[in-house]
Amino acid sequence: MPSKKQISKRQAVKADVNAKNIQIAAVAVFVLILAIVAWVGFSQRNQTPAALENPQDQPTQQASAPQEQPKTTTSSKQYSAPPEMSIDLAKRYLATFKLAKGGEFVIELYPDKAPITVNSFVFLAREGYYNGTTFHRVLPDFMAQGGDPTGTGSGGPGYAFVNEDSDLTFDKAGVLAMANAGRDTNGSQFFITFSPQEYLNGGYTIFGQVIEGLDVVLGIRLRDPQQFPDYEGDVLESITITEE
């Protein structure tokens, strides 16, 4: 029969083993927690934030491009067909955009490169079609899109016309082009680039370039109609066409 001294030693050894087991378990739990925290952090760092640009009538910075939404009936002036050719291809056309908040910029149009597009744009501008419309989709380092009286991306003049291909490219800021819902669906909506966007080449008709007031263009208020639909974009007070 074990003596009291032997029993005491066995109990001490057992207690020591239990303590070590507890310590090992604690360390294991701590390591597991660290591993979970590290994994969560890594996963979050590798998640792609929702792109501010989600174009549909919208260019996608490689994911959204200026496209018009399917047309809907609007209260704005409508036309049954594109206007007859009325511009003089031998003349120079300038469009002065005046913002309601103050500031203006000038775009030189390219009738020799895109006569149908320039003719339609000049017609609508002179009709006052663009007065009071907003830049309804404006994405950082990408572009400002306007020309829709409904401010939704689904408005248009009631007619559509074909794309006009040329050697012009989206190689700089201030390029003016038509937004569309697919090839040959141009209407009234247009966009102006904030930076080179050459992946858009071949998909959109370029018909002008900002020659004065690029800083005003770059200062147009940012707005994504899909993510932040509760406020309006900057209002375009008027577009004045000068023929030289």
C-alpha atoms as a PDB file:
ATOM      1  CA  MET A   1       0.000   0.000   0.000  1.00  0.00           C
ATOM      2  CA  PRO A   2       1.468   3.386  -1.081  1.00  0.00           C
ATOM      3  CA  SER A   3       2.589   5.637   1.686  1.00  0.00           C
ATOM      4  CA  LYS A   4       1.188   9.141   2.194  1.00  0.00           C
ATOM      5  CA  LYS A   5       4.420  10.518   0.766  1.00  0.00           C
ATOM      6  CA  GLN A   6       4.089   8.472  -2.427  1.00  0.00           C
ATOM      7  CA  ILE A   7       0.433   9.480  -2.843  1.00  0.00           C
ATOM      8  CA  SER A   8       1.368  13.105  -2.407  1.00  0.00           C
ATOM      9  CA  LYS A   9       4.073  12.831  -5.097  1.00  0.00           C
ATOM     10  CA  ARG A  10       1.642  11.163  -7.518  1.00  0.00           C
ATOM     11  CA  GLN A  11      -0.924  13.911  -6.931  1.00  0.00           C
ATOM     12  CA  ALA A  12       1.744  16.564  -7.480  1.00  0.00           C
ATOM     13  CA  VAL A  13       2.829  14.923 -10.723  1.00  0.00           C
ATOM     14  CA  LYS A  14      -0.810  14.645 -11.872  1.00  0.00           C
ATOM     15  CA  ALA A  15      -1.452  18.278 -11.004  1.00  0.00           C
ATOM     16  CA  ASP A  16       1.685  19.310 -12.905  1.00  0.00           C
ATOM     17  CA  VAL A  17       0.583  17.330 -15.975  1.00  0.00           C
ATOM     18  CA  ASN A  18      -2.878  18.901 -15.838  1.00  0.00           C
ATOM     19  CA  ALA A  19      -1.332  22.355 -15.616  1.00  0.00           C
ATOM     20  CA  LYS A  20       0.863  21.644 -18.620  1.00  0.00           C
ATOM     21  CA  ASN A  21      -2.139  20.327 -20.549  1.00  0.00           C
ATOM     22  CA  ILE A  22      -4.043  23.511 -19.750  1.00  0.00           C
ATOM     23  CA  GLN A  23      -1.102  25.632 -20.887  1.00  0.00           C
ATOM     24  CA  ILE A  24      -0.791  23.680 -24.156  1.00  0.00           C
ATOM     25  CA  ALA A  25      -4.524  24.013 -24.802  1.00  0.00           C
ATOM     26  CA  ALA A  26      -4.390  27.754 -24.139  1.00  0.00           C
ATOM     27  CA  VAL A  27      -1.482  28.192 -26.539  1.00  0.00           C
ATOM     28  CA  ALA A  28      -3.320  26.155 -29.188  1.00  0.00           C
ATOM     29  CA  VAL A  29      -6.445  28.307 -28.825  1.00  0.00           C
ATOM     30  CA  PHE A  30      -4.348  31.486 -29.035  1.00  0.00           C
ATOM     31  CA  VAL A  31      -2.595  30.275 -32.206  1.00  0.00           C
ATOM     32  CA  LEU A  32      -5.963  29.330 -33.724  1.00  0.00           C
ATOM     33  CA  ILE A  33      -7.355  32.804 -32.987  1.00  0.00           C
ATOM     34  CA  LEU A  34      -4.307  34.436 -34.602  1.00  0.00           C
ATOM     35  CA  ALA A  35      -4.746  32.235 -37.680  1.00  0.00           C
ATOM     36  CA  ILE A  36      -8.438  33.189 -37.995  1.00  0.00           C
ATOM     37  CA  VAL A  37      -7.685  36.911 -37.637  1.00  0.00           C
ATOM     38  CA  ALA A  38      -4.918  36.693 -40.232  1.00  0.00           C
ATOM     39  CA  TRP A  39      -7.181  34.814 -42.680  1.00  0.00           C
ATOM     40  CA  VAL A  40     -10.023  37.337 -42.292  1.00  0.00           C
ATOM     41  CA  GLY A  41      -7.638  40.235 -42.816  1.00  0.00           C
ATOM     42  CA  PHE A  42      -6.169  38.636 -45.932  1.00  0.00           C
ATOM     43  CA  SER A  43      -9.639  37.961 -47.357  1.00  0.00           C
ATOM     44  CA  GLN A  44     -10.775  41.538 -46.800  1.00  0.00           C
ATOM     45  CA  ARG A  45      -7.656  42.944 -48.438  1.00  0.00           C
ATOM     46  CA  ASN A  46      -8.306  40.841 -51.504  1.00  0.00           C
ATOM     47  CA  GLN A  47     -11.964  41.728 -51.936  1.00  0.00           C
ATOM     48  CA  THR A  48     -12.578  44.079 -54.846  1.00  0.00           C
ATOM     49  CA  PRO A  49     -14.593  47.120 -53.762  1.00  0.00           C
ATOM     50  CA  ALA A  50     -17.729  47.741 -55.799  1.00  0.00           C
ATOM     51  CA  ALA A  51     -16.624  49.849 -58.734  1.00  0.00           C
ATOM     52  CA  LEU A  52     -18.016  53.370 -58.630  1.00  0.00           C
ATOM     53  CA  GLU A  53     -18.507  53.107 -62.337  1.00  0.00           C
ATOM     54  CA  ASN A  54     -21.126  50.615 -63.326  1.00  0.00           C
ATOM     55  CA  PRO A  55     -22.073  51.794 -66.737  1.00  0.00           C
ATOM     56  CA  GLN A  56     -25.114  51.105 -68.595  1.00  0.00           C
ATOM     57  CA  ASP A  57     -25.294  54.135 -70.654  1.00  0.00           C
ATOM     58  CA  GLN A  58     -22.169  54.377 -68.889  1.00  0.00           C
ATOM     59  CA  PRO A  59     -18.670  53.536 -69.790  1.00  0.00           C
ATOM     60  CA  THR A  60     -16.994  51.063 -67.501  1.00  0.00           C
ATOM     61  CA  GLN A  61     -13.460  51.805 -66.679  1.00  0.00           C
ATOM     62  CA  GLN A  62     -12.820  48.628 -68.494  1.00  0.00           C
ATOM     63  CA  ALA A  63     -16.052  47.468 -66.968  1.00  0.00           C
ATOM     64  CA  SER A  64     -18.550  50.118 -67.798  1.00  0.00           C
ATOM     65  CA  ALA A  65     -18.727  52.141 -70.922  1.00  0.00           C
ATOM     66  CA  PRO A  66     -20.992  54.960 -72.010  1.00  0.00           C
ATOM     67  CA  GLN A  67     -24.125  53.287 -73.088  1.00  0.00           C
ATOM     68  CA  GLU A  68     -27.656  54.486 -73.049  1.00  0.00           C
ATOM     69  CA  GLN A  69     -30.349  52.676 -71.133  1.00  0.00           C
ATOM     70  CA  PRO A  70     -33.291  51.337 -73.138  1.00  0.00           C
ATOM     71  CA  LYS A  71     -35.384  54.289 -74.287  1.00  0.00           C
ATOM     72  CA  THR A  72     -38.506  55.254 -72.365  1.00  0.00           C
ATOM     73  CA  THR A  73     -41.237  57.765 -73.101  1.00  0.00           C
ATOM     74  CA  THR A  74     -40.284  61.197 -71.785  1.00  0.00           C
ATOM     75  CA  SER A  75     -41.855  64.623 -71.547  1.00  0.00           C
ATOM     76  CA  SER A  76     -38.926  66.218 -73.418  1.00  0.00           C
ATOM     77  CA  LYS A  77     -39.223  67.297 -77.030  1.00  0.00           C
ATOM     78  CA  GLN A  78     -39.247  64.336 -79.398  1.00  0.00           C
ATOM     79  CA  TYR A  79     -38.468  64.064 -83.089  1.00  0.00           C
ATOM     80  CA  SER A  80     -39.525  61.388 -85.546  1.00  0.00           C
ATOM     81  CA  ALA A  81     -36.244  61.280 -87.466  1.00  0.00           C
ATOM     82  CA  PRO A  82     -32.699  62.684 -87.424  1.00  0.00           C
ATOM     83  CA  PRO A  83     -32.476  66.251 -88.741  1.00  0.00           C
ATOM     84  CA  GLU A  84     -31.678  66.930 -92.362  1.00  0.00           C
ATOM     85  CA  MET A  85     -28.078  67.886 -93.020  1.00  0.00           C
ATOM     86  CA  SER A  86     -27.821  71.615 -92.373  1.00  0.00           C
ATOM     87  CA  ILE A  87     -24.232  72.210 -91.291  1.00  0.00           C
ATOM     88  CA  ASP A  88     -21.516  73.405 -93.646  1.00  0.00           C
ATOM     89  CA  LEU A  89     -18.688  70.868 -93.633  1.00  0.00           C
ATOM     90  CA  ALA A  90     -16.256  73.564 -94.728  1.00  0.00           C
ATOM     91  CA  LYS A  91     -16.879  75.666 -91.620  1.00  0.00           C
ATOM     92  CA  ARG A  92     -15.602  75.452 -88.058  1.00  0.00           C
ATOM     93  CA  TYR A  93     -18.109  74.755 -85.281  1.00  0.00           C
ATOM     94  CA  LEU A  94     -17.561  75.570 -81.610  1.00  0.00           C
ATOM     95  CA  ALA A  95     -19.897  74.593 -78.780  1.00  0.00           C
ATOM     96  CA  THR A  96     -19.796  76.666 -75.584  1.00  0.00           C
ATOM     97  CA  PHE A  97     -21.155  74.767 -72.568  1.00  0.00           C
ATOM     98  CA  LYS A  98     -22.374  76.992 -69.739  1.00  0.00           C
ATOM     99  CA  LEU A  99     -22.991  75.439 -66.314  1.00  0.00           C
ATOM    100  CA  ALA A 100     -25.769  76.740 -64.065  1.00  0.00           C
ATOM    101  CA  LYS A 101     -23.399  76.791 -61.066  1.00  0.00           C
ATOM    102  CA  GLY A 102     -20.979  78.998 -62.998  1.00  0.00           C
ATOM    103  CA  GLY A 103     -18.143  78.235 -65.348  1.00  0.00           C
ATOM    104  CA  GLU A 104     -18.042  77.308 -68.998  1.00  0.00           C
ATOM    105  CA  PHE A 105     -15.922  75.385 -71.459  1.00  0.00           C
ATOM    106  CA  VAL A 106     -15.568  75.305 -75.222  1.00  0.00           C
ATOM    107  CA  ILE A 107     -15.470  72.250 -77.467  1.00  0.00           C
ATOM    108  CA  GLU A 108     -14.398  72.272 -81.085  1.00  0.00           C
ATOM    109  CA  LEU A 109     -16.645  69.958 -83.112  1.00  0.00           C
ATOM    110  CA  TYR A 110     -15.379  67.782 -85.962  1.00  0.00           C
ATOM    111  CA  PRO A 111     -17.880  67.967 -88.850  1.00  0.00           C
ATOM    112  CA  ASP A 112     -15.317  66.524 -91.249  1.00  0.00           C
ATOM    113  CA  LYS A 113     -14.837  63.417 -89.074  1.00  0.00           C
ATOM    114  CA  ALA A 114     -18.433  62.883 -87.919  1.00  0.00           C
ATOM    115  CA  PRO A 115     -20.856  64.960 -90.033  1.00  0.00           C
ATOM    116  CA  ILE A 116     -24.027  63.107 -89.041  1.00  0.00           C
ATOM    117  CA  THR A 117     -23.189  63.322 -85.351  1.00  0.00           C
ATOM    118  CA  VAL A 118     -22.177  66.987 -85.437  1.00  0.00           C
ATOM    119  CA  ASN A 119     -25.259  67.867 -87.476  1.00  0.00           C
ATOM    120  CA  SER A 120     -27.537  66.190 -84.904  1.00  0.00           C
ATOM    121  CA  PHE A 121     -25.709  67.754 -81.950  1.00  0.00           C
ATOM    122  CA  VAL A 122     -25.810  71.259 -83.484  1.00  0.00           C
ATOM    123  CA  PHE A 123     -29.506  70.827 -84.278  1.00  0.00           C
ATOM    124  CA  LEU A 124     -30.410  69.757 -80.735  1.00  0.00           C
ATOM    125  CA  ALA A 125     -28.262  72.475 -79.149  1.00  0.00           C
ATOM    126  CA  ARG A 126     -29.879  75.181 -81.274  1.00  0.00           C
ATOM    127  CA  GLU A 127     -33.305  73.796 -80.402  1.00  0.00           C
ATOM    128  CA  GLY A 128     -32.466  74.280 -76.714  1.00  0.00           C
ATOM    129  CA  TYR A 129     -32.835  70.549 -76.178  1.00  0.00           C
ATOM    130  CA  TYR A 130     -29.899  70.361 -73.784  1.00  0.00           C
ATOM    131  CA  ASN A 131     -30.837  73.418 -71.705  1.00  0.00           C
ATOM    132  CA  GLY A 132     -31.481  72.438 -68.084  1.00  0.00           C
ATOM    133  CA  THR A 133     -30.231  68.881 -68.470  1.00  0.00           C
ATOM    134  CA  THR A 134     -27.738  67.408 -66.017  1.00  0.00           C
ATOM    135  CA  PHE A 135     -24.483  65.535 -66.119  1.00  0.00           C
ATOM    136  CA  HIS A 136     -26.233  62.511 -64.714  1.00  0.00           C
ATOM    137  CA  ARG A 137     -23.275  60.131 -64.661  1.00  0.00           C
ATOM    138  CA  VAL A 138     -19.850  61.431 -63.671  1.00  0.00           C
ATOM    139  CA  LEU A 139     -17.155  58.960 -62.649  1.00  0.00           C
ATOM    140  CA  PRO A 140     -13.726  59.864 -61.211  1.00  0.00           C
ATOM    141  CA  ASP A 141     -10.798  59.793 -63.634  1.00  0.00           C
ATOM    142  CA  PHE A 142     -13.175  58.507 -66.312  1.00  0.00           C
ATOM    143  CA  MET A 143     -15.832  60.759 -67.830  1.00  0.00           C
ATOM    144  CA  ALA A 144     -18.873  63.042 -67.445  1.00  0.00           C
ATOM    145  CA  GLN A 145     -22.017  61.913 -69.251  1.00  0.00           C
ATOM    146  CA  GLY A 146     -24.960  64.145 -70.100  1.00  0.00           C
ATOM    147  CA  GLY A 147     -27.504  64.946 -72.778  1.00  0.00           C
ATOM    148  CA  ASP A 148     -30.473  63.111 -71.261  1.00  0.00           C
ATOM    149  CA  PRO A 149     -33.463  65.359 -70.418  1.00  0.00           C
ATOM    150  CA  THR A 150     -34.773  62.718 -67.989  1.00  0.00           C
ATOM    151  CA  GLY A 151     -31.492  62.557 -66.071  1.00  0.00           C
ATOM    152  CA  THR A 152     -31.840  58.776 -65.853  1.00  0.00           C
ATOM    153  CA  GLY A 153     -29.733  57.518 -68.732  1.00  0.00           C
ATOM    154  CA  SER A 154     -32.800  56.337 -70.643  1.00  0.00           C
ATOM    155  CA  GLY A 155     -33.863  59.562 -72.382  1.00  0.00           C
ATOM    156  CA  GLY A 156     -33.338  60.539 -75.992  1.00  0.00           C
ATOM    157  CA  PRO A 157     -34.652  62.691 -78.859  1.00  0.00           C
ATOM    158  CA  GLY A 158     -36.878  60.022 -80.390  1.00  0.00           C
ATOM    159  CA  TYR A 159     -34.504  59.028 -83.164  1.00  0.00           C
ATOM    160  CA  ALA A 160     -31.230  57.134 -83.516  1.00  0.00           C
ATOM    161  CA  PHE A 161     -28.378  57.331 -86.002  1.00  0.00           C
ATOM    162  CA  VAL A 162     -25.338  55.329 -87.021  1.00  0.00           C
ATOM    163  CA  ASN A 163     -21.825  55.284 -85.596  1.00  0.00           C
ATOM    164  CA  GLU A 164     -19.217  57.191 -87.557  1.00  0.00           C
ATOM    165  CA  ASP A 165     -15.764  55.614 -87.487  1.00  0.00           C
ATOM    166  CA  SER A 166     -12.607  57.673 -87.922  1.00  0.00           C
ATOM    167  CA  ASP A 167      -8.959  57.776 -86.950  1.00  0.00           C
ATOM    168  CA  LEU A 168      -9.774  59.729 -83.783  1.00  0.00           C
ATOM    169  CA  THR A 169      -9.018  57.966 -80.491  1.00  0.00           C
ATOM    170  CA  PHE A 170      -9.631  58.366 -76.764  1.00  0.00           C
ATOM    171  CA  ASP A 171      -6.015  59.307 -76.164  1.00  0.00           C
ATOM    172  CA  LYS A 172      -6.469  62.324 -73.909  1.00  0.00           C
ATOM    173  CA  ALA A 173      -8.756  64.183 -71.543  1.00  0.00           C
ATOM    174  CA  GLY A 174     -11.511  66.336 -73.018  1.00  0.00           C
ATOM    175  CA  VAL A 175     -12.594  64.010 -75.823  1.00  0.00           C
ATOM    176  CA  LEU A 176     -16.294  64.430 -76.710  1.00  0.00           C
ATOM    177  CA  ALA A 177     -18.136  61.325 -77.932  1.00  0.00           C
ATOM    178  CA  MET A 178     -21.627  59.879 -78.198  1.00  0.00           C
ATOM    179  CA  ALA A 179     -22.926  57.456 -75.581  1.00  0.00           C
ATOM    180  CA  ASN A 180     -24.905  54.544 -76.965  1.00  0.00           C
ATOM    181  CA  ALA A 181     -26.734  51.349 -76.123  1.00  0.00           C
ATOM    182  CA  GLY A 182     -24.876  49.461 -78.838  1.00  0.00           C
ATOM    183  CA  ARG A 183     -23.609  50.242 -82.292  1.00  0.00           C
ATOM    184  CA  ASP A 184     -25.773  52.624 -84.384  1.00  0.00           C
ATOM    185  CA  THR A 185     -28.038  53.596 -81.467  1.00  0.00           C
ATOM    186  CA  ASN A 186     -26.783  57.176 -80.995  1.00  0.00           C
ATOM    187  CA  GLY A 187     -29.312  59.741 -79.849  1.00  0.00           C
ATOM    188  CA  SER A 188     -28.676  62.786 -77.677  1.00  0.00           C
ATOM    189  CA  GLN A 189     -26.468  61.487 -74.862  1.00  0.00           C
ATOM    190  CA  PHE A 190     -22.775  62.309 -74.949  1.00  0.00           C
ATOM    191  CA  PHE A 191     -19.757  62.040 -72.675  1.00  0.00           C
ATOM    192  CA  ILE A 192     -16.477  63.909 -72.130  1.00  0.00           C
ATOM    193  CA  THR A 193     -13.400  62.040 -70.940  1.00  0.00           C
ATOM    194  CA  PHE A 194     -11.350  63.026 -67.880  1.00  0.00           C
ATOM    195  CA  SER A 195      -8.299  61.028 -68.982  1.00  0.00           C
ATOM    196  CA  PRO A 196      -7.148  58.722 -71.811  1.00  0.00           C
ATOM    197  CA  GLN A 197      -9.585  55.816 -72.237  1.00  0.00           C
ATOM    198  CA  GLU A 198      -8.245  54.001 -75.264  1.00  0.00           C
ATOM    199  CA  TYR A 199     -10.090  50.765 -74.566  1.00  0.00           C
ATOM    200  CA  LEU A 200     -13.186  52.650 -75.794  1.00  0.00           C
ATOM    201  CA  ASN A 201     -11.686  53.090 -79.263  1.00  0.00           C
ATOM    202  CA  GLY A 202     -13.940  51.803 -82.018  1.00  0.00           C
ATOM    203  CA  GLY A 203     -17.068  51.619 -79.888  1.00  0.00           C
ATOM    204  CA  TYR A 204     -18.133  55.265 -79.725  1.00  0.00           C
ATOM    205  CA  THR A 205     -18.277  58.124 -82.213  1.00  0.00           C
ATOM    206  CA  ILE A 206     -15.798  60.875 -81.324  1.00  0.00           C
ATOM    207  CA  PHE A 207     -16.941  64.263 -82.595  1.00  0.00           C
ATOM    208  CA  GLY A 208     -15.148  66.977 -80.619  1.00  0.00           C
ATOM    209  CA  GLN A 209     -12.393  68.068 -78.237  1.00  0.00           C
ATOM    210  CA  VAL A 210     -12.304  70.533 -75.342  1.00  0.00           C
ATOM    211  CA  ILE A 211     -10.110  73.486 -76.352  1.00  0.00           C
ATOM    212  CA  GLU A 212     -10.915  75.874 -73.467  1.00  0.00           C
ATOM    213  CA  GLY A 213     -11.912  75.308 -69.841  1.00  0.00           C
ATOM    214  CA  LEU A 214     -10.746  71.743 -69.306  1.00  0.00           C
ATOM    215  CA  ASP A 215     -10.434  72.580 -65.600  1.00  0.00           C
ATOM    216  CA  VAL A 216     -14.181  73.300 -65.557  1.00  0.00           C
ATOM    217  CA  VAL A 217     -14.873  69.922 -67.149  1.00  0.00           C
ATOM    218  CA  LEU A 218     -12.697  68.153 -64.591  1.00  0.00           C
ATOM    219  CA  GLY A 219     -14.594  69.985 -61.840  1.00  0.00           C
ATOM    220  CA  ILE A 220     -18.018  68.639 -62.816  1.00  0.00           C
ATOM    221  CA  ARG A 221     -19.633  67.098 -59.762  1.00  0.00           C
ATOM    222  CA  LEU A 222     -19.185  63.346 -59.403  1.00  0.00           C
ATOM    223  CA  ARG A 223     -22.363  61.322 -59.555  1.00  0.00           C
ATOM    224  CA  ASP A 224     -23.165  57.629 -59.962  1.00  0.00           C
ATOM    225  CA  PRO A 225     -26.931  57.328 -60.613  1.00  0.00           C
ATOM    226  CA  GLN A 226     -26.977  53.681 -59.575  1.00  0.00           C
ATOM    227  CA  GLN A 227     -25.186  54.029 -56.251  1.00  0.00           C
ATOM    228  CA  PHE A 228     -26.224  57.585 -55.315  1.00  0.00           C
ATOM    229  CA  PRO A 229     -29.516  58.372 -57.088  1.00  0.00           C
ATOM    230  CA  ASP A 230     -30.813  60.828 -54.484  1.00  0.00           C
ATOM    231  CA  TYR A 231     -29.073  63.956 -55.744  1.00  0.00           C
ATOM    232  CA  GLU A 232     -28.780  65.623 -59.128  1.00  0.00           C
ATOM    233  CA  GLY A 233     -25.645  66.213 -61.104  1.00  0.00           C
ATOM    234  CA  ASP A 234     -24.434  69.614 -62.275  1.00  0.00           C
ATOM    235  CA  VAL A 235     -26.961  71.374 -64.496  1.00  0.00           C
ATOM    236  CA  LEU A 236     -26.081  72.419 -68.033  1.00  0.00           C
ATOM    237  CA  GLU A 237     -27.630  75.843 -68.474  1.00  0.00           C
ATOM    238  CA  SER A 238     -27.055  76.046 -72.219  1.00  0.00           C
ATOM    239  CA  ILE A 239     -24.950  75.061 -75.204  1.00  0.00           C
ATOM    240  CA  THR A 240     -24.241  77.845 -77.672  1.00  0.00           C
ATOM    241  CA  ILE A 241     -23.095  76.935 -81.181  1.00  0.00           C
ATOM    242  CA  THR A 242     -20.710  79.285 -83.007  1.00  0.00           C
ATOM    243  CA  GLU A 243     -20.115  78.848 -86.729  1.00  0.00           C
ATOM    244  CA  GLU A 244     -16.956  80.300 -88.269  1.00  0.00           C
END
